[in-house]
Amino acid sequence: MARSRLEVIPGTIIERQIATDGLLVTAPFHRAFTIADPAAAAVNHELTNWYSTTAAPVLAGLHEAEPGSLNQLAELKIAEWAWLTNAVTNREAAGHG
């Protein structure tokens, strides 16, 4: 799940494009980006909150050697997709998309 989000890797084409667009956030050993569209930024913020309150606590207890961990991870991915689908659908229905 942690790899589901965009990671900006130094020296890549995407880093150059994000920098050209004025959206690159840099620090020593760190690359990130800002989201230009306010509606998309709001969904990202809500997804980050969902991840920290719903997924992260479960992920902290998983281990690849534990039976059932892969199933729990799959269930979290399904829940994440359902949350994201509902968030986007609800925004579009409310006229914010």
N, C-alpha and C. Protein backbone atom coordinates (compact mmCIF):
# COMPACT_ATOMS: atom_id res chain seq x y z
N MET A 1 0.82 -1.20 0.00
CA MET A 1 0.00 0.00 0.00
C MET A 1 0.86 1.25 0.00
N ALA A 2 1.99 1.20 0.66
CA ALA A 2 2.83 2.39 0.74
C ALA A 2 3.34 2.80 -0.64
N ARG A 3 3.38 1.90 -1.58
CA ARG A 3 3.86 2.21 -2.93
C ARG A 3 2.73 2.65 -3.87
N SER A 4 1.52 2.79 -3.37
CA SER A 4 0.39 3.18 -4.20
C SER A 4 0.45 4.63 -4.62
N ARG A 5 1.20 5.43 -3.90
CA ARG A 5 1.25 6.86 -4.15
C ARG A 5 2.49 7.20 -4.97
N LEU A 6 2.45 8.32 -5.65
CA LEU A 6 3.57 8.75 -6.47
C LEU A 6 4.77 9.10 -5.60
N GLU A 7 5.90 8.52 -5.92
CA GLU A 7 7.16 8.87 -5.27
C GLU A 7 8.02 9.56 -6.31
N VAL A 8 8.52 10.73 -5.97
CA VAL A 8 9.35 11.49 -6.89
C VAL A 8 10.80 11.08 -6.68
N ILE A 9 11.39 10.51 -7.71
CA ILE A 9 12.76 10.02 -7.62
C ILE A 9 13.67 11.02 -8.32
N PRO A 10 14.73 11.47 -7.63
CA PRO A 10 15.65 12.45 -8.22
C PRO A 10 16.23 11.98 -9.55
N GLY A 11 16.33 12.92 -10.48
CA GLY A 11 16.95 12.64 -11.76
C GLY A 11 16.04 12.03 -12.80
N THR A 12 14.77 11.85 -12.48
CA THR A 12 13.84 11.24 -13.43
C THR A 12 13.11 12.31 -14.25
N ILE A 13 12.51 11.87 -15.32
CA ILE A 13 11.74 12.79 -16.17
C ILE A 13 10.60 13.40 -15.38
N ILE A 14 9.91 12.60 -14.55
CA ILE A 14 8.79 13.14 -13.78
C ILE A 14 9.26 14.21 -12.81
N GLU A 15 10.45 14.06 -12.23
CA GLU A 15 10.96 15.10 -11.34
C GLU A 15 11.18 16.39 -12.12
N ARG A 16 11.76 16.29 -13.31
CA ARG A 16 11.99 17.49 -14.11
C ARG A 16 10.68 18.16 -14.50
N GLN A 17 9.68 17.36 -14.86
CA GLN A 17 8.39 17.94 -15.25
C GLN A 17 7.70 18.61 -14.06
N ILE A 18 7.73 17.96 -12.91
CA ILE A 18 7.13 18.54 -11.70
C ILE A 18 7.85 19.84 -11.34
N ALA A 19 9.17 19.86 -11.47
CA ALA A 19 9.94 21.08 -11.19
C ALA A 19 9.58 22.18 -12.19
N THR A 20 9.48 21.83 -13.47
CA THR A 20 9.11 22.79 -14.51
C THR A 20 7.74 23.39 -14.22
N ASP A 21 6.83 22.59 -13.70
CA ASP A 21 5.49 23.05 -13.39
C ASP A 21 5.42 23.81 -12.06
N GLY A 22 6.55 23.91 -11.35
CA GLY A 22 6.59 24.64 -10.08
C GLY A 22 5.95 23.89 -8.93
N LEU A 23 5.88 22.57 -9.02
CA LEU A 23 5.20 21.76 -8.00
C LEU A 23 6.15 20.90 -7.17
N LEU A 24 7.46 21.01 -7.42
CA LEU A 24 8.43 20.16 -6.73
C LEU A 24 8.75 20.69 -5.34
N VAL A 25 8.75 19.80 -4.36
CA VAL A 25 9.14 20.10 -2.99
C VAL A 25 10.44 19.33 -2.75
N THR A 26 11.50 20.05 -2.39
CA THR A 26 12.78 19.37 -2.20
C THR A 26 13.36 19.68 -0.83
N ALA A 27 14.12 18.75 -0.35
CA ALA A 27 14.91 18.88 0.87
C ALA A 27 16.04 17.87 0.72
N PRO A 28 17.07 17.94 1.55
CA PRO A 28 18.12 16.92 1.43
C PRO A 28 17.53 15.51 1.54
N PHE A 29 17.82 14.70 0.55
CA PHE A 29 17.35 13.31 0.51
C PHE A 29 15.83 13.17 0.48
N HIS A 30 15.14 14.18 -0.03
CA HIS A 30 13.68 14.14 -0.06
C HIS A 30 13.17 14.80 -1.34
N ARG A 31 12.21 14.17 -1.98
CA ARG A 31 11.51 14.74 -3.11
C ARG A 31 10.03 14.47 -2.91
N ALA A 32 9.22 15.46 -3.16
CA ALA A 32 7.77 15.31 -3.10
C ALA A 32 7.18 16.33 -4.07
N PHE A 33 5.89 16.46 -4.07
CA PHE A 33 5.25 17.40 -4.97
C PHE A 33 4.02 17.98 -4.31
N THR A 34 3.57 19.09 -4.83
CA THR A 34 2.30 19.65 -4.41
C THR A 34 1.29 19.38 -5.52
N ILE A 35 0.04 19.36 -5.17
CA ILE A 35 -1.01 19.10 -6.15
C ILE A 35 -1.65 20.44 -6.50
N ALA A 36 -1.63 20.77 -7.79
CA ALA A 36 -2.09 22.08 -8.24
C ALA A 36 -3.61 22.23 -8.14
N ASP A 37 -4.36 21.19 -8.44
CA ASP A 37 -5.81 21.27 -8.44
C ASP A 37 -6.34 21.16 -7.01
N PRO A 38 -7.07 22.17 -6.52
CA PRO A 38 -7.56 22.14 -5.13
C PRO A 38 -8.46 20.94 -4.81
N ALA A 39 -9.29 20.53 -5.76
CA ALA A 39 -10.17 19.38 -5.51
C ALA A 39 -9.35 18.10 -5.37
N ALA A 40 -8.37 17.93 -6.24
CA ALA A 40 -7.50 16.75 -6.15
C ALA A 40 -6.66 16.79 -4.88
N ALA A 41 -6.20 17.98 -4.49
CA ALA A 41 -5.44 18.12 -3.25
C ALA A 41 -6.30 17.74 -2.05
N ALA A 42 -7.58 18.10 -2.08
CA ALA A 42 -8.48 17.76 -0.98
C ALA A 42 -8.68 16.25 -0.88
N VAL A 43 -8.86 15.59 -2.02
CA VAL A 43 -9.00 14.13 -2.02
C VAL A 43 -7.73 13.48 -1.50
N ASN A 44 -6.57 13.99 -1.93
CA ASN A 44 -5.30 13.46 -1.44
C ASN A 44 -5.18 13.62 0.07
N HIS A 45 -5.57 14.78 0.59
CA HIS A 45 -5.52 15.01 2.03
C HIS A 45 -6.44 14.04 2.77
N GLU A 46 -7.64 13.85 2.26
CA GLU A 46 -8.59 12.92 2.88
C GLU A 46 -8.07 11.48 2.81
N LEU A 47 -7.45 11.12 1.67
CA LEU A 47 -6.89 9.78 1.53
C LEU A 47 -5.74 9.57 2.51
N THR A 48 -4.92 10.59 2.69
CA THR A 48 -3.82 10.50 3.66
C THR A 48 -4.37 10.28 5.07
N ASN A 49 -5.44 10.98 5.41
CA ASN A 49 -6.07 10.78 6.72
C ASN A 49 -6.65 9.37 6.83
N TRP A 50 -7.32 8.90 5.78
CA TRP A 50 -7.87 7.54 5.79
C TRP A 50 -6.75 6.53 5.99
N TYR A 51 -5.66 6.71 5.26
CA TYR A 51 -4.53 5.79 5.35
C TYR A 51 -3.98 5.74 6.78
N SER A 52 -3.77 6.92 7.39
CA SER A 52 -3.16 6.95 8.72
C SER A 52 -4.08 6.41 9.80
N THR A 53 -5.38 6.56 9.64
CA THR A 53 -6.30 6.08 10.68
C THR A 53 -6.81 4.66 10.43
N THR A 54 -6.88 4.25 9.17
CA THR A 54 -7.46 2.94 8.85
C THR A 54 -6.41 1.91 8.46
N ALA A 55 -5.54 2.25 7.53
CA ALA A 55 -4.61 1.27 6.99
C ALA A 55 -3.34 1.12 7.83
N ALA A 56 -2.73 2.22 8.20
CA ALA A 56 -1.44 2.16 8.90
C ALA A 56 -1.49 1.31 10.18
N PRO A 57 -2.52 1.44 11.01
CA PRO A 57 -2.54 0.60 12.22
C PRO A 57 -2.59 -0.90 11.90
N VAL A 58 -3.30 -1.27 10.84
CA VAL A 58 -3.37 -2.67 10.45
C VAL A 58 -2.03 -3.12 9.86
N LEU A 59 -1.45 -2.29 8.99
CA LEU A 59 -0.18 -2.63 8.36
C LEU A 59 0.92 -2.83 9.38
N ALA A 60 0.87 -2.07 10.45
CA ALA A 60 1.91 -2.17 11.49
C ALA A 60 1.94 -3.56 12.12
N GLY A 61 0.82 -4.26 12.09
CA GLY A 61 0.76 -5.58 12.70
C GLY A 61 0.97 -6.73 11.73
N LEU A 62 1.20 -6.43 10.46
CA LEU A 62 1.36 -7.48 9.46
C LEU A 62 2.83 -7.85 9.28
N HIS A 63 3.05 -9.10 8.92
CA HIS A 63 4.40 -9.56 8.61
C HIS A 63 4.27 -10.65 7.56
N GLU A 64 5.18 -10.65 6.61
CA GLU A 64 5.09 -11.62 5.51
C GLU A 64 5.15 -13.06 5.98
N ALA A 65 5.72 -13.32 7.15
CA ALA A 65 5.80 -14.69 7.65
C ALA A 65 4.54 -15.13 8.39
N GLU A 66 3.65 -14.20 8.65
CA GLU A 66 2.42 -14.51 9.40
C GLU A 66 1.31 -14.95 8.45
N PRO A 67 0.69 -16.10 8.76
CA PRO A 67 -0.44 -16.54 7.93
C PRO A 67 -1.56 -15.49 7.99
N GLY A 68 -2.14 -15.23 6.87
CA GLY A 68 -3.26 -14.29 6.82
C GLY A 68 -2.86 -12.85 6.53
N SER A 69 -1.58 -12.51 6.64
CA SER A 69 -1.16 -11.13 6.40
C SER A 69 -1.41 -10.70 4.96
N LEU A 70 -1.17 -11.59 4.01
CA LEU A 70 -1.39 -11.24 2.62
C LEU A 70 -2.88 -11.00 2.36
N ASN A 71 -3.73 -11.81 2.98
CA ASN A 71 -5.17 -11.60 2.84
C ASN A 71 -5.59 -10.26 3.44
N GLN A 72 -5.04 -9.91 4.60
CA GLN A 72 -5.37 -8.63 5.21
C GLN A 72 -4.90 -7.47 4.33
N LEU A 73 -3.73 -7.62 3.74
CA LEU A 73 -3.22 -6.58 2.85
C LEU A 73 -4.15 -6.42 1.64
N ALA A 74 -4.59 -7.53 1.08
CA ALA A 74 -5.51 -7.48 -0.06
C ALA A 74 -6.83 -6.81 0.35
N GLU A 75 -7.32 -7.13 1.53
CA GLU A 75 -8.56 -6.51 2.01
C GLU A 75 -8.38 -5.00 2.18
N LEU A 76 -7.22 -4.57 2.65
CA LEU A 76 -6.95 -3.13 2.78
C LEU A 76 -6.91 -2.46 1.41
N LYS A 77 -6.29 -3.10 0.42
CA LYS A 77 -6.25 -2.52 -0.92
C LYS A 77 -7.66 -2.39 -1.48
N ILE A 78 -8.50 -3.38 -1.26
CA ILE A 78 -9.89 -3.31 -1.72
C ILE A 78 -10.61 -2.19 -1.01
N ALA A 79 -10.40 -2.06 0.29
CA ALA A 79 -11.04 -0.98 1.06
C ALA A 79 -10.54 0.39 0.60
N GLU A 80 -9.24 0.48 0.30
CA GLU A 80 -8.67 1.74 -0.19
C GLU A 80 -9.33 2.12 -1.52
N TRP A 81 -9.45 1.17 -2.42
CA TRP A 81 -10.05 1.44 -3.72
C TRP A 81 -11.52 1.84 -3.55
N ALA A 82 -12.24 1.16 -2.68
CA ALA A 82 -13.64 1.51 -2.42
C ALA A 82 -13.74 2.92 -1.85
N TRP A 83 -12.86 3.26 -0.91
CA TRP A 83 -12.88 4.60 -0.32
C TRP A 83 -12.62 5.64 -1.41
N LEU A 84 -11.60 5.42 -2.22
CA LEU A 84 -11.24 6.38 -3.26
C LEU A 84 -12.36 6.53 -4.29
N THR A 85 -12.94 5.42 -4.71
CA THR A 85 -14.05 5.46 -5.66
C THR A 85 -15.21 6.25 -5.09
N ASN A 86 -15.57 5.99 -3.83
CA ASN A 86 -16.66 6.72 -3.20
C ASN A 86 -16.34 8.20 -3.05
N ALA A 87 -15.11 8.52 -2.68
CA ALA A 87 -14.73 9.92 -2.49
C ALA A 87 -14.85 10.70 -3.80
N VAL A 88 -14.36 10.11 -4.87
CA VAL A 88 -14.42 10.78 -6.18
C VAL A 88 -15.86 10.87 -6.67
N THR A 89 -16.61 9.78 -6.54
CA THR A 89 -18.01 9.78 -6.97
C THR A 89 -18.81 10.81 -6.20
N ASN A 90 -18.63 10.87 -4.87
CA ASN A 90 -19.36 11.83 -4.05
C ASN A 90 -19.01 13.26 -4.42
N ARG A 91 -17.75 13.55 -4.70
CA ARG A 91 -17.33 14.88 -5.12
C ARG A 91 -17.94 15.26 -6.45
N GLU A 92 -17.93 14.31 -7.38
CA GLU A 92 -18.51 14.59 -8.70
C GLU A 92 -20.01 14.85 -8.57
N ALA A 93 -20.69 14.06 -7.73
CA ALA A 93 -22.13 14.23 -7.53
C ALA A 93 -22.44 15.58 -6.89
N ALA A 94 -21.53 16.05 -6.03
CA ALA A 94 -21.73 17.34 -5.36
C ALA A 94 -21.28 18.51 -6.24
N GLY A 95 -20.71 18.19 -7.41
CA GLY A 95 -20.28 19.26 -8.30
C GLY A 95 -18.90 19.81 -8.03
N HIS A 96 -18.08 19.04 -7.28
CA HIS A 96 -16.73 19.48 -6.96
C HIS A 96 -15.68 18.78 -7.82
N GLY A 97 -16.05 17.97 -8.76
CA GLY A 97 -15.08 17.20 -9.52
C GLY A 97 -14.87 17.78 -10.85
